[in-house]
Amino acid sequence: MLVIWSGWGILVIPLVVGTAVAVGAVVQWILTSLGRPDLAFVAFSLGLIAAAAVNWLVGRRLNSQPGRELVDPATGERVQLQRRHKLFWIKMEYWSVPVALAAFIPLLALRHLGGG
């Protein structure tokens, strides 16, 4: 699989997967201890929502850092150099939108099956 990124954009993958797994596991453990292991879809959805939030915060922080301003000595023109952190040409924080939308798929499936 080919992965294209710039800056720290590659962090989207471990941030989303790691956060979703960690939060989902904790929520599933809590649900199981409360006697409701059948609500695993809730743990999955909450894990994805938490992953989207963490990715948004990290992406915004990285992409809002100030750049360097350079001056061309021949023309006096100013150039702003700013490092962007992207995965597949999309800024890190914008990957949070499809992750958050994916969190609703299990909930919609449950509603479609008549569980909600």
PDB file of N, CA and C in Angstrom:
ATOM      1  N   MET A   1       0.843  -1.173   0.000  1.00  0.00           N
ATOM      2  CA  MET A   1       0.000   0.000   0.000  1.00  0.00           C
ATOM      3  C   MET A   1       0.891   1.240   0.000  1.00  0.00           C
ATOM      4  N   LEU A   2       0.548   2.186  -0.813  1.00  0.00           N
ATOM      5  CA  LEU A   2       1.307   3.419  -0.942  1.00  0.00           C
ATOM      6  C   LEU A   2       0.688   4.485  -0.050  1.00  0.00           C
ATOM      7  N   VAL A   3       1.484   5.069   0.828  1.00  0.00           N
ATOM      8  CA  VAL A   3       1.022   6.128   1.726  1.00  0.00           C
ATOM      9  C   VAL A   3       1.834   7.380   1.423  1.00  0.00           C
ATOM     10  N   ILE A   4       1.131   8.481   1.162  1.00  0.00           N
ATOM     11  CA  ILE A   4       1.785   9.730   0.829  1.00  0.00           C
ATOM     12  C   ILE A   4       1.470  10.733   1.926  1.00  0.00           C
ATOM     13  N   TRP A   5       2.533  11.351   2.482  1.00  0.00           N
ATOM     14  CA  TRP A   5       2.315  12.338   3.532  1.00  0.00           C
ATOM     15  C   TRP A   5       3.364  13.423   3.445  1.00  0.00           C
ATOM     16  N   SER A   6       3.085  14.504   4.138  1.00  0.00           N
ATOM     17  CA  SER A   6       4.084  15.564   4.281  1.00  0.00           C
ATOM     18  C   SER A   6       4.111  15.969   5.749  1.00  0.00           C
ATOM     19  N   GLY A   7       5.263  16.404   6.214  1.00  0.00           N
ATOM     20  CA  GLY A   7       5.412  16.761   7.624  1.00  0.00           C
ATOM     21  C   GLY A   7       5.115  15.559   8.508  1.00  0.00           C
ATOM     22  N   TRP A   8       4.338  15.819   9.532  1.00  0.00           N
ATOM     23  CA  TRP A   8       3.941  14.759  10.464  1.00  0.00           C
ATOM     24  C   TRP A   8       2.580  14.163  10.115  1.00  0.00           C
ATOM     25  N   GLY A   9       2.135  14.297   8.883  1.00  0.00           N
ATOM     26  CA  GLY A   9       0.833  13.790   8.466  1.00  0.00           C
ATOM     27  C   GLY A   9       0.653  12.297   8.648  1.00  0.00           C
ATOM     28  N   ILE A  10       1.745  11.548   8.641  1.00  0.00           N
ATOM     29  CA  ILE A  10       1.667  10.100   8.834  1.00  0.00           C
ATOM     30  C   ILE A  10       1.121   9.751  10.210  1.00  0.00           C
ATOM     31  N   LEU A  11       1.171  10.700  11.156  1.00  0.00           N
ATOM     32  CA  LEU A  11       0.661  10.451  12.508  1.00  0.00           C
ATOM     33  C   LEU A  11      -0.845  10.215  12.548  1.00  0.00           C
ATOM     34  N   VAL A  12      -1.547  10.579  11.494  1.00  0.00           N
ATOM     35  CA  VAL A  12      -2.997  10.348  11.469  1.00  0.00           C
ATOM     36  C   VAL A  12      -3.302   8.875  11.711  1.00  0.00           C
ATOM     37  N   ILE A  13      -2.560   8.006  11.071  1.00  0.00           N
ATOM     38  CA  ILE A  13      -2.850   6.568  11.149  1.00  0.00           C
ATOM     39  C   ILE A  13      -2.663   6.031  12.566  1.00  0.00           C
ATOM     40  N   PRO A  14      -1.493   6.187  13.199  1.00  0.00           N
ATOM     41  CA  PRO A  14      -1.372   5.651  14.559  1.00  0.00           C
ATOM     42  C   PRO A  14      -2.223   6.399  15.590  1.00  0.00           C
ATOM     43  N   LEU A  15      -2.444   7.700  15.391  1.00  0.00           N
ATOM     44  CA  LEU A  15      -3.292   8.443  16.326  1.00  0.00           C
ATOM     45  C   LEU A  15      -4.721   7.906  16.315  1.00  0.00           C
ATOM     46  N   VAL A  16      -5.260   7.756  15.127  1.00  0.00           N
ATOM     47  CA  VAL A  16      -6.655   7.310  15.014  1.00  0.00           C
ATOM     48  C   VAL A  16      -6.800   5.862  15.483  1.00  0.00           C
ATOM     49  N   VAL A  17      -5.931   4.991  14.997  1.00  0.00           N
ATOM     50  CA  VAL A  17      -6.041   3.572  15.365  1.00  0.00           C
ATOM     51  C   VAL A  17      -5.771   3.379  16.861  1.00  0.00           C
ATOM     52  N   GLY A  18      -4.698   3.982  17.357  1.00  0.00           N
ATOM     53  CA  GLY A  18      -4.344   3.816  18.771  1.00  0.00           C
ATOM     54  C   GLY A  18      -5.398   4.355  19.716  1.00  0.00           C
ATOM     55  N   THR A  19      -5.892   5.559  19.433  1.00  0.00           N
ATOM     56  CA  THR A  19      -6.912   6.155  20.299  1.00  0.00           C
ATOM     57  C   THR A  19      -8.216   5.361  20.234  1.00  0.00           C
ATOM     58  N   ALA A  20      -8.619   4.977  19.038  1.00  0.00           N
ATOM     59  CA  ALA A  20      -9.871   4.226  18.890  1.00  0.00           C
ATOM     60  C   ALA A  20      -9.802   2.889  19.624  1.00  0.00           C
ATOM     61  N   VAL A  21      -8.683   2.200  19.506  1.00  0.00           N
ATOM     62  CA  VAL A  21      -8.543   0.904  20.183  1.00  0.00           C
ATOM     63  C   VAL A  21      -8.507   1.084  21.698  1.00  0.00           C
ATOM     64  N   ALA A  22      -7.734   2.053  22.177  1.00  0.00           N
ATOM     65  CA  ALA A  22      -7.609   2.260  23.626  1.00  0.00           C
ATOM     66  C   ALA A  22      -8.937   2.672  24.253  1.00  0.00           C
ATOM     67  N   VAL A  23      -9.581   3.672  23.676  1.00  0.00           N
ATOM     68  CA  VAL A  23     -10.861   4.138  24.232  1.00  0.00           C
ATOM     69  C   VAL A  23     -11.929   3.063  24.070  1.00  0.00           C
ATOM     70  N   GLY A  24     -11.972   2.426  22.910  1.00  0.00           N
ATOM     71  CA  GLY A  24     -12.955   1.361  22.707  1.00  0.00           C
ATOM     72  C   GLY A  24     -12.784   0.215  23.685  1.00  0.00           C
ATOM     73  N   ALA A  25     -11.537  -0.157  23.969  1.00  0.00           N
ATOM     74  CA  ALA A  25     -11.285  -1.245  24.923  1.00  0.00           C
ATOM     75  C   ALA A  25     -11.713  -0.858  26.327  1.00  0.00           C
ATOM     76  N   VAL A  26     -11.424   0.359  26.733  1.00  0.00           N
ATOM     77  CA  VAL A  26     -11.824   0.808  28.074  1.00  0.00           C
ATOM     78  C   VAL A  26     -13.344   0.856  28.193  1.00  0.00           C
ATOM     79  N   VAL A  27     -14.010   1.411  27.180  1.00  0.00           N
ATOM     80  CA  VAL A  27     -15.476   1.481  27.219  1.00  0.00           C
ATOM     81  C   VAL A  27     -16.074   0.077  27.196  1.00  0.00           C
ATOM     82  N   GLN A  28     -15.519  -0.817  26.395  1.00  0.00           N
ATOM     83  CA  GLN A  28     -16.025  -2.191  26.370  1.00  0.00           C
ATOM     84  C   GLN A  28     -15.826  -2.877  27.709  1.00  0.00           C
ATOM     85  N   TRP A  29     -14.693  -2.632  28.348  1.00  0.00           N
ATOM     86  CA  TRP A  29     -14.437  -3.213  29.667  1.00  0.00           C
ATOM     87  C   TRP A  29     -15.467  -2.693  30.673  1.00  0.00           C
ATOM     88  N   ILE A  30     -15.756  -1.386  30.616  1.00  0.00           N
ATOM     89  CA  ILE A  30     -16.754  -0.806  31.521  1.00  0.00           C
ATOM     90  C   ILE A  30     -18.128  -1.394  31.246  1.00  0.00           C
ATOM     91  N   LEU A  31     -18.505  -1.505  29.983  1.00  0.00           N
ATOM     92  CA  LEU A  31     -19.810  -2.070  29.633  1.00  0.00           C
ATOM     93  C   LEU A  31     -19.916  -3.531  30.067  1.00  0.00           C
ATOM     94  N   THR A  32     -18.836  -4.284  29.914  1.00  0.00           N
ATOM     95  CA  THR A  32     -18.845  -5.688  30.330  1.00  0.00           C
ATOM     96  C   THR A  32     -18.980  -5.792  31.844  1.00  0.00           C
ATOM     97  N   SER A  33     -18.285  -4.928  32.573  1.00  0.00           N
ATOM     98  CA  SER A  33     -18.385  -4.977  34.035  1.00  0.00           C
ATOM     99  C   SER A  33     -19.763  -4.532  34.516  1.00  0.00           C
ATOM    100  N   LEU A  34     -20.468  -3.752  33.704  1.00  0.00           N
ATOM    101  CA  LEU A  34     -21.833  -3.355  34.052  1.00  0.00           C
ATOM    102  C   LEU A  34     -22.867  -4.383  33.585  1.00  0.00           C
ATOM    103  N   GLY A  35     -22.391  -5.456  32.976  1.00  0.00           N
ATOM    104  CA  GLY A  35     -23.286  -6.516  32.520  1.00  0.00           C
ATOM    105  C   GLY A  35     -23.913  -6.255  31.172  1.00  0.00           C
ATOM    106  N   ARG A  36     -23.315  -5.387  30.373  1.00  0.00           N
ATOM    107  CA  ARG A  36     -23.865  -5.075  29.054  1.00  0.00           C
ATOM    108  C   ARG A  36     -22.835  -5.276  27.944  1.00  0.00           C
ATOM    109  N   PRO A  37     -22.261  -6.485  27.808  1.00  0.00           N
ATOM    110  CA  PRO A  37     -21.280  -6.704  26.739  1.00  0.00           C
ATOM    111  C   PRO A  37     -21.909  -6.647  25.347  1.00  0.00           C
ATOM    112  N   ASP A  38     -23.224  -6.687  25.273  1.00  0.00           N
ATOM    113  CA  ASP A  38     -23.913  -6.633  23.988  1.00  0.00           C
ATOM    114  C   ASP A  38     -23.854  -5.250  23.338  1.00  0.00           C
ATOM    115  N   LEU A  39     -23.385  -4.249  24.062  1.00  0.00           N
ATOM    116  CA  LEU A  39     -23.306  -2.898  23.528  1.00  0.00           C
ATOM    117  C   LEU A  39     -21.913  -2.570  22.980  1.00  0.00           C
ATOM    118  N   ALA A  40     -21.281  -3.533  22.363  1.00  0.00           N
ATOM    119  CA  ALA A  40     -19.927  -3.333  21.829  1.00  0.00           C
ATOM    120  C   ALA A  40     -19.895  -2.254  20.755  1.00  0.00           C
ATOM    121  N   PHE A  41     -20.976  -2.074  20.020  1.00  0.00           N
ATOM    122  CA  PHE A  41     -21.014  -1.041  18.991  1.00  0.00           C
ATOM    123  C   PHE A  41     -20.871   0.347  19.596  1.00  0.00           C
ATOM    124  N   VAL A  42     -21.324   0.520  20.840  1.00  0.00           N
ATOM    125  CA  VAL A  42     -21.169   1.813  21.522  1.00  0.00           C
ATOM    126  C   VAL A  42     -19.690   2.062  21.810  1.00  0.00           C
ATOM    127  N   ALA A  43     -18.990   1.028  22.259  1.00  0.00           N
ATOM    128  CA  ALA A  43     -17.562   1.161  22.528  1.00  0.00           C
ATOM    129  C   ALA A  43     -16.813   1.510  21.243  1.00  0.00           C
ATOM    130  N   PHE A  44     -17.166   0.867  20.149  1.00  0.00           N
ATOM    131  CA  PHE A  44     -16.534   1.143  18.859  1.00  0.00           C
ATOM    132  C   PHE A  44     -16.783   2.588  18.432  1.00  0.00           C
ATOM    133  N   SER A  45     -18.026   3.037  18.557  1.00  0.00           N
ATOM    134  CA  SER A  45     -18.375   4.400  18.161  1.00  0.00           C
ATOM    135  C   SER A  45     -17.682   5.439  19.030  1.00  0.00           C
ATOM    136  N   LEU A  46     -17.668   5.231  20.335  1.00  0.00           N
ATOM    137  CA  LEU A  46     -17.001   6.179  21.230  1.00  0.00           C
ATOM    138  C   LEU A  46     -15.494   6.218  20.981  1.00  0.00           C
ATOM    139  N   GLY A  47     -14.910   5.080  20.661  1.00  0.00           N
ATOM    140  CA  GLY A  47     -13.492   5.046  20.329  1.00  0.00           C
ATOM    141  C   GLY A  47     -13.180   5.871  19.090  1.00  0.00           C
ATOM    142  N   LEU A  48     -14.021   5.769  18.076  1.00  0.00           N
ATOM    143  CA  LEU A  48     -13.805   6.555  16.856  1.00  0.00           C
ATOM    144  C   LEU A  48     -14.031   8.045  17.086  1.00  0.00           C
ATOM    145  N   ILE A  49     -15.014   8.393  17.893  1.00  0.00           N
ATOM    146  CA  ILE A  49     -15.252   9.806  18.192  1.00  0.00           C
ATOM    147  C   ILE A  49     -14.068  10.390  18.958  1.00  0.00           C
ATOM    148  N   ALA A  50     -13.560   9.646  19.923  1.00  0.00           N
ATOM    149  CA  ALA A  50     -12.380  10.109  20.674  1.00  0.00           C
ATOM    150  C   ALA A  50     -11.170  10.231  19.748  1.00  0.00           C
ATOM    151  N   ALA A  51     -11.012   9.285  18.833  1.00  0.00           N
ATOM    152  CA  ALA A  51      -9.893   9.330  17.892  1.00  0.00           C
ATOM    153  C   ALA A  51      -9.996  10.554  16.991  1.00  0.00           C
ATOM    154  N   ALA A  52     -11.203  10.873  16.543  1.00  0.00           N
ATOM    155  CA  ALA A  52     -11.401  12.057  15.707  1.00  0.00           C
ATOM    156  C   ALA A  52     -11.046  13.324  16.478  1.00  0.00           C
ATOM    157  N   ALA A  53     -11.435  13.383  17.749  1.00  0.00           N
ATOM    158  CA  ALA A  53     -11.140  14.560  18.567  1.00  0.00           C
ATOM    159  C   ALA A  53      -9.636  14.719  18.792  1.00  0.00           C
ATOM    160  N   VAL A  54      -8.960  13.639  19.115  1.00  0.00           N
ATOM    161  CA  VAL A  54      -7.510  13.699  19.344  1.00  0.00           C
ATOM    162  C   VAL A  54      -6.793  14.099  18.059  1.00  0.00           C
ATOM    163  N   ASN A  55      -7.182  13.504  16.948  1.00  0.00           N
ATOM    164  CA  ASN A  55      -6.553  13.830  15.667  1.00  0.00           C
ATOM    165  C   ASN A  55      -6.787  15.293  15.307  1.00  0.00           C
ATOM    166  N   TRP A  56      -7.987  15.807  15.561  1.00  0.00           N
ATOM    167  CA  TRP A  56      -8.287  17.208  15.271  1.00  0.00           C
ATOM    168  C   TRP A  56      -7.378  18.129  16.085  1.00  0.00           C
ATOM    169  N   LEU A  57      -7.263  17.842  17.382  1.00  0.00           N
ATOM    170  CA  LEU A  57      -6.441  18.690  18.246  1.00  0.00           C
ATOM    171  C   LEU A  57      -4.964  18.666  17.841  1.00  0.00           C
ATOM    172  N   VAL A  58      -4.435  17.490  17.585  1.00  0.00           N
ATOM    173  CA  VAL A  58      -3.025  17.377  17.197  1.00  0.00           C
ATOM    174  C   VAL A  58      -2.795  18.031  15.832  1.00  0.00           C
ATOM    175  N   GLY A  59      -3.680  17.784  14.895  1.00  0.00           N
ATOM    176  CA  GLY A  59      -3.538  18.370  13.564  1.00  0.00           C
ATOM    177  C   GLY A  59      -3.618  19.886  13.584  1.00  0.00           C
ATOM    178  N   ARG A  60      -4.565  20.433  14.334  1.00  0.00           N
ATOM    179  CA  ARG A  60      -4.675  21.899  14.433  1.00  0.00           C
ATOM    180  C   ARG A  60      -3.434  22.497  15.073  1.00  0.00           C
ATOM    181  N   ARG A  61      -2.943  21.843  16.088  1.00  0.00           N
ATOM    182  CA  ARG A  61      -1.743  22.368  16.765  1.00  0.00           C
ATOM    183  C   ARG A  61      -0.537  22.363  15.827  1.00  0.00           C
ATOM    184  N   LEU A  62      -0.341  21.270  15.119  1.00  0.00           N
ATOM    185  CA  LEU A  62       0.804  21.176  14.214  1.00  0.00           C
ATOM    186  C   LEU A  62       0.692  22.146  13.034  1.00  0.00           C
ATOM    187  N   ASN A  63      -0.498  22.271  12.472  1.00  0.00           N
ATOM    188  CA  ASN A  63      -0.668  23.109  11.289  1.00  0.00           C
ATOM    189  C   ASN A  63      -0.833  24.584  11.610  1.00  0.00           C
ATOM    190  N   SER A  64      -0.917  24.957  12.872  1.00  0.00           N
ATOM    191  CA  SER A  64      -1.059  26.368  13.211  1.00  0.00           C
ATOM    192  C   SER A  64       0.254  26.992  13.685  1.00  0.00           C
ATOM    193  N   GLN A  65       1.324  26.227  13.668  1.00  0.00           N
ATOM    194  CA  GLN A  65       2.609  26.786  14.074  1.00  0.00           C
ATOM    195  C   GLN A  65       3.085  27.799  13.038  1.00  0.00           C
ATOM    196  N   PRO A  66       3.691  28.905  13.508  1.00  0.00           N
ATOM    197  CA  PRO A  66       4.110  29.950  12.564  1.00  0.00           C
ATOM    198  C   PRO A  66       5.237  29.478  11.655  1.00  0.00           C
ATOM    199  N   GLY A  67       5.248  30.032  10.462  1.00  0.00           N
ATOM    200  CA  GLY A  67       6.270  29.684   9.498  1.00  0.00           C
ATOM    201  C   GLY A  67       7.445  30.644   9.560  1.00  0.00           C
ATOM    202  N   ARG A  68       8.340  30.480   8.617  1.00  0.00           N
ATOM    203  CA  ARG A  68       9.513  31.363   8.516  1.00  0.00           C
ATOM    204  C   ARG A  68       9.297  32.323   7.367  1.00  0.00           C
ATOM    205  N   GLU A  69       9.681  33.565   7.592  1.00  0.00           N
ATOM    206  CA  GLU A  69       9.586  34.557   6.527  1.00  0.00           C
ATOM    207  C   GLU A  69      10.979  34.827   5.983  1.00  0.00           C
ATOM    208  N   LEU A  70      11.124  34.682   4.682  1.00  0.00           N
ATOM    209  CA  LEU A  70      12.397  34.922   4.018  1.00  0.00           C
ATOM    210  C   LEU A  70      12.256  36.122   3.084  1.00  0.00           C
ATOM    211  N   VAL A  71      13.348  36.840   2.903  1.00  0.00           N
ATOM    212  CA  VAL A  71      13.354  37.998   2.018  1.00  0.00           C
ATOM    213  C   VAL A  71      14.356  37.740   0.899  1.00  0.00           C
ATOM    214  N   ASP A  72      13.887  37.873  -0.335  1.00  0.00           N
ATOM    215  CA  ASP A  72      14.760  37.731  -1.495  1.00  0.00           C
ATOM    216  C   ASP A  72      15.632  38.990  -1.586  1.00  0.00           C
ATOM    217  N   PRO A  73      16.955  38.856  -1.466  1.00  0.00           N
ATOM    218  CA  PRO A  73      17.798  40.045  -1.458  1.00  0.00           C
ATOM    219  C   PRO A  73      17.789  40.815  -2.787  1.00  0.00           C
ATOM    220  N   ALA A  74      17.529  40.130  -3.884  1.00  0.00           N
ATOM    221  CA  ALA A  74      17.548  40.801  -5.188  1.00  0.00           C
ATOM    222  C   ALA A  74      16.305  41.657  -5.408  1.00  0.00           C
ATOM    223  N   THR A  75      15.144  41.161  -4.993  1.00  0.00           N
ATOM    224  CA  THR A  75      13.891  41.874  -5.267  1.00  0.00           C
ATOM    225  C   THR A  75      13.258  42.479  -4.021  1.00  0.00           C
ATOM    226  N   GLY A  76      13.666  42.028  -2.865  1.00  0.00           N
ATOM    227  CA  GLY A  76      13.048  42.502  -1.626  1.00  0.00           C
ATOM    228  C   GLY A  76      11.699  41.836  -1.357  1.00  0.00           C
ATOM    229  N   GLU A  77      11.349  40.847  -2.160  1.00  0.00           N
ATOM    230  CA  GLU A  77      10.069  40.150  -2.005  1.00  0.00           C
ATOM    231  C   GLU A  77      10.128  39.230  -0.791  1.00  0.00           C
ATOM    232  N   ARG A  78       9.039  39.204  -0.053  1.00  0.00           N
ATOM    233  CA  ARG A  78       8.942  38.358   1.139  1.00  0.00           C
ATOM    234  C   ARG A  78       8.225  37.059   0.793  1.00  0.00           C
ATOM    235  N   VAL A  79       8.768  35.972   1.292  1.00  0.00           N
ATOM    236  CA  VAL A  79       8.190  34.649   1.056  1.00  0.00           C
ATOM    237  C   VAL A  79       7.948  33.991   2.405  1.00  0.00           C
ATOM    238  N   GLN A  80       6.761  33.456   2.588  1.00  0.00           N
ATOM    239  CA  GLN A  80       6.407  32.782   3.833  1.00  0.00           C
ATOM    240  C   GLN A  80       6.537  31.271   3.623  1.00  0.00           C
ATOM    241  N   LEU A  81       7.411  30.635   4.394  1.00  0.00           N
ATOM    242  CA  LEU A  81       7.571  29.181   4.350  1.00  0.00           C
ATOM    243  C   LEU A  81       6.865  28.583   5.548  1.00  0.00           C
ATOM    244  N   GLN A  82       5.908  27.752   5.279  1.00  0.00           N
ATOM    245  CA  GLN A  82       5.159  27.135   6.357  1.00  0.00           C
ATOM    246  C   GLN A  82       5.061  25.642   6.099  1.00  0.00           C
ATOM    247  N   ARG A  83       5.418  24.856   7.087  1.00  0.00           N
ATOM    248  CA  ARG A  83       5.365  23.407   6.940  1.00  0.00           C
ATOM    249  C   ARG A  83       3.932  22.944   7.179  1.00  0.00           C
ATOM    250  N   ARG A  84       3.440  22.139   6.289  1.00  0.00           N
ATOM    251  CA  ARG A  84       2.088  21.588   6.399  1.00  0.00           C
ATOM    252  C   ARG A  84       2.181  20.103   6.693  1.00  0.00           C
ATOM    253  N   HIS A  85       1.273  19.637   7.508  1.00  0.00           N
ATOM    254  CA  HIS A  85       1.246  18.239   7.908  1.00  0.00           C
ATOM    255  C   HIS A  85      -0.002  17.612   7.281  1.00  0.00           C
ATOM    256  N   LYS A  86       0.224  16.790   6.249  1.00  0.00           N
ATOM    257  CA  LYS A  86      -0.880  16.236   5.462  1.00  0.00           C
ATOM    258  C   LYS A  86      -0.701  14.741   5.242  1.00  0.00           C
ATOM    259  N   LEU A  87      -1.814  14.070   5.059  1.00  0.00           N
ATOM    260  CA  LEU A  87      -1.840  12.667   4.647  1.00  0.00           C
ATOM    261  C   LEU A  87      -2.679  12.605   3.380  1.00  0.00           C
ATOM    262  N   PHE A  88      -2.096  12.105   2.307  1.00  0.00           N
ATOM    263  CA  PHE A  88      -2.758  12.080   0.999  1.00  0.00           C
ATOM    264  C   PHE A  88      -3.275  13.468   0.620  1.00  0.00           C
ATOM    265  N   TRP A  89      -2.467  14.484   0.786  1.00  0.00           N
ATOM    266  CA  TRP A  89      -2.739  15.866   0.407  1.00  0.00           C
ATOM    267  C   TRP A  89      -3.886  16.511   1.191  1.00  0.00           C
ATOM    268  N   ILE A  90      -4.317  15.884   2.268  1.00  0.00           N
ATOM    269  CA  ILE A  90      -5.378  16.428   3.118  1.00  0.00           C
ATOM    270  C   ILE A  90      -4.772  16.733   4.480  1.00  0.00           C
ATOM    271  N   LYS A  91      -5.026  17.939   4.995  1.00  0.00           N
ATOM    272  CA  LYS A  91      -4.484  18.318   6.297  1.00  0.00           C
ATOM    273  C   LYS A  91      -4.926  17.322   7.365  1.00  0.00           C
ATOM    274  N   MET A  92      -4.046  17.150   8.344  1.00  0.00           N
ATOM    275  CA  MET A  92      -4.296  16.169   9.410  1.00  0.00           C
ATOM    276  C   MET A  92      -5.662  16.350  10.047  1.00  0.00           C
ATOM    277  N   GLU A  93      -5.998  17.578  10.421  1.00  0.00           N
ATOM    278  CA  GLU A  93      -7.231  17.797  11.178  1.00  0.00           C
ATOM    279  C   GLU A  93      -8.480  17.466  10.374  1.00  0.00           C
ATOM    280  N   TYR A  94      -8.406  17.564   9.047  1.00  0.00           N
ATOM    281  CA  TYR A  94      -9.588  17.275   8.235  1.00  0.00           C
ATOM    282  C   TYR A  94      -9.873  15.777   8.121  1.00  0.00           C
ATOM    283  N   TRP A  95      -8.903  14.940   8.469  1.00  0.00           N
ATOM    284  CA  TRP A  95      -9.156  13.499   8.510  1.00  0.00           C
ATOM    285  C   TRP A  95     -10.111  13.145   9.644  1.00  0.00           C
ATOM    286  N   SER A  96     -10.310  14.049  10.586  1.00  0.00           N
ATOM    287  CA  SER A  96     -11.215  13.791  11.702  1.00  0.00           C
ATOM    288  C   SER A  96     -12.670  13.714  11.253  1.00  0.00           C
ATOM    289  N   VAL A  97     -13.005  14.390  10.175  1.00  0.00           N
ATOM    290  CA  VAL A  97     -14.399  14.387   9.705  1.00  0.00           C
ATOM    291  C   VAL A  97     -14.832  12.982   9.257  1.00  0.00           C
ATOM    292  N   PRO A  98     -14.112  12.307   8.349  1.00  0.00           N
ATOM    293  CA  PRO A  98     -14.564  10.955   7.985  1.00  0.00           C
ATOM    294  C   PRO A  98     -14.471   9.965   9.146  1.00  0.00           C
ATOM    295  N   VAL A  99     -13.518  10.164  10.054  1.00  0.00           N
ATOM    296  CA  VAL A  99     -13.421   9.263  11.217  1.00  0.00           C
ATOM    297  C   VAL A  99     -14.654   9.441  12.101  1.00  0.00           C
ATOM    298  N   ALA A 100     -15.050  10.690  12.335  1.00  0.00           N
ATOM    299  CA  ALA A 100     -16.233  10.946  13.158  1.00  0.00           C
ATOM    300  C   ALA A 100     -17.498  10.419  12.474  1.00  0.00           C
ATOM    301  N   LEU A 101     -17.588  10.577  11.167  1.00  0.00           N
ATOM    302  CA  LEU A 101     -18.747  10.043  10.445  1.00  0.00           C
ATOM    303  C   LEU A 101     -18.783   8.524  10.495  1.00  0.00           C
ATOM    304  N   ALA A 102     -17.612   7.889  10.466  1.00  0.00           N
ATOM    305  CA  ALA A 102     -17.554   6.432  10.558  1.00  0.00           C
ATOM    306  C   ALA A 102     -18.055   5.939  11.908  1.00  0.00           C
ATOM    307  N   ALA A 103     -18.001   6.788  12.920  1.00  0.00           N
ATOM    308  CA  ALA A 103     -18.475   6.400  14.249  1.00  0.00           C
ATOM    309  C   ALA A 103     -19.984   6.175  14.264  1.00  0.00           C
ATOM    310  N   PHE A 104     -20.689   6.771  13.328  1.00  0.00           N
ATOM    311  CA  PHE A 104     -22.143   6.642  13.314  1.00  0.00           C
ATOM    312  C   PHE A 104     -22.634   5.438  12.525  1.00  0.00           C
ATOM    313  N   ILE A 105     -21.752   4.782  11.786  1.00  0.00           N
ATOM    314  CA  ILE A 105     -22.159   3.625  10.992  1.00  0.00           C
ATOM    315  C   ILE A 105     -22.725   2.497  11.861  1.00  0.00           C
ATOM    316  N   PRO A 106     -22.055   2.107  12.965  1.00  0.00           N
ATOM    317  CA  PRO A 106     -22.646   1.050  13.794  1.00  0.00           C
ATOM    318  C   PRO A 106     -23.984   1.458  14.405  1.00  0.00           C
ATOM    319  N   LEU A 107     -24.119   2.725  14.743  1.00  0.00           N
ATOM    320  CA  LEU A 107     -25.374   3.196  15.326  1.00  0.00           C
ATOM    321  C   LEU A 107     -26.497   3.172  14.291  1.00  0.00           C
ATOM    322  N   LEU A 108     -26.179   3.540  13.051  1.00  0.00           N
ATOM    323  CA  LEU A 108     -27.178   3.470  11.992  1.00  0.00           C
ATOM    324  C   LEU A 108     -27.544   2.036  11.664  1.00  0.00           C
ATOM    325  N   ALA A 109     -26.558   1.154  11.688  1.00  0.00           N
ATOM    326  CA  ALA A 109     -26.836  -0.263  11.425  1.00  0.00           C
ATOM    327  C   ALA A 109     -27.761  -0.829  12.489  1.00  0.00           C
ATOM    328  N   LEU A 110     -27.535  -0.451  13.733  1.00  0.00           N
ATOM    329  CA  LEU A 110     -28.393  -0.938  14.811  1.00  0.00           C
ATOM    330  C   LEU A 110     -29.820  -0.436  14.618  1.00  0.00           C
ATOM    331  N   ARG A 111     -29.965   0.834  14.257  1.00  0.00           N
ATOM    332  CA  ARG A 111     -31.291   1.392  14.049  1.00  0.00           C
ATOM    333  C   ARG A 111     -31.983   0.691  12.873  1.00  0.00           C
ATOM    334  N   HIS A 112     -31.218   0.404  11.817  1.00  0.00           N
ATOM    335  CA  HIS A 112     -31.774  -0.263  10.657  1.00  0.00           C
ATOM    336  C   HIS A 112     -32.235  -1.687  11.001  1.00  0.00           C
ATOM    337  N   LEU A 113     -31.519  -2.326  11.903  1.00  0.00           N
ATOM    338  CA  LEU A 113     -31.881  -3.694  12.285  1.00  0.00           C
ATOM    339  C   LEU A 113     -33.030  -3.730  13.295  1.00  0.00           C
ATOM    340  N   GLY A 114     -33.504  -2.551  13.715  1.00  0.00           N
ATOM    341  CA  GLY A 114     -34.633  -2.503  14.627  1.00  0.00           C
ATOM    342  C   GLY A 114     -34.237  -2.507  16.088  1.00  0.00           C
ATOM    343  N   GLY A 115     -33.003  -2.278  16.393  1.00  0.00           N
ATOM    344  CA  GLY A 115     -32.556  -2.298  17.782  1.00  0.00           C
ATOM    345  C   GLY A 115     -32.719  -0.975  18.485  1.00  0.00           C
ATOM    346  N   GLY A 116     -33.070   0.105  17.795  1.00  0.00           N
ATOM    347  CA  GLY A 116     -33.101   1.412  18.434  1.00  0.00           C
ATOM    348  C   GLY A 116     -34.294   2.177  18.224  1.00  0.00           C
TER     349      GLY A 116
END
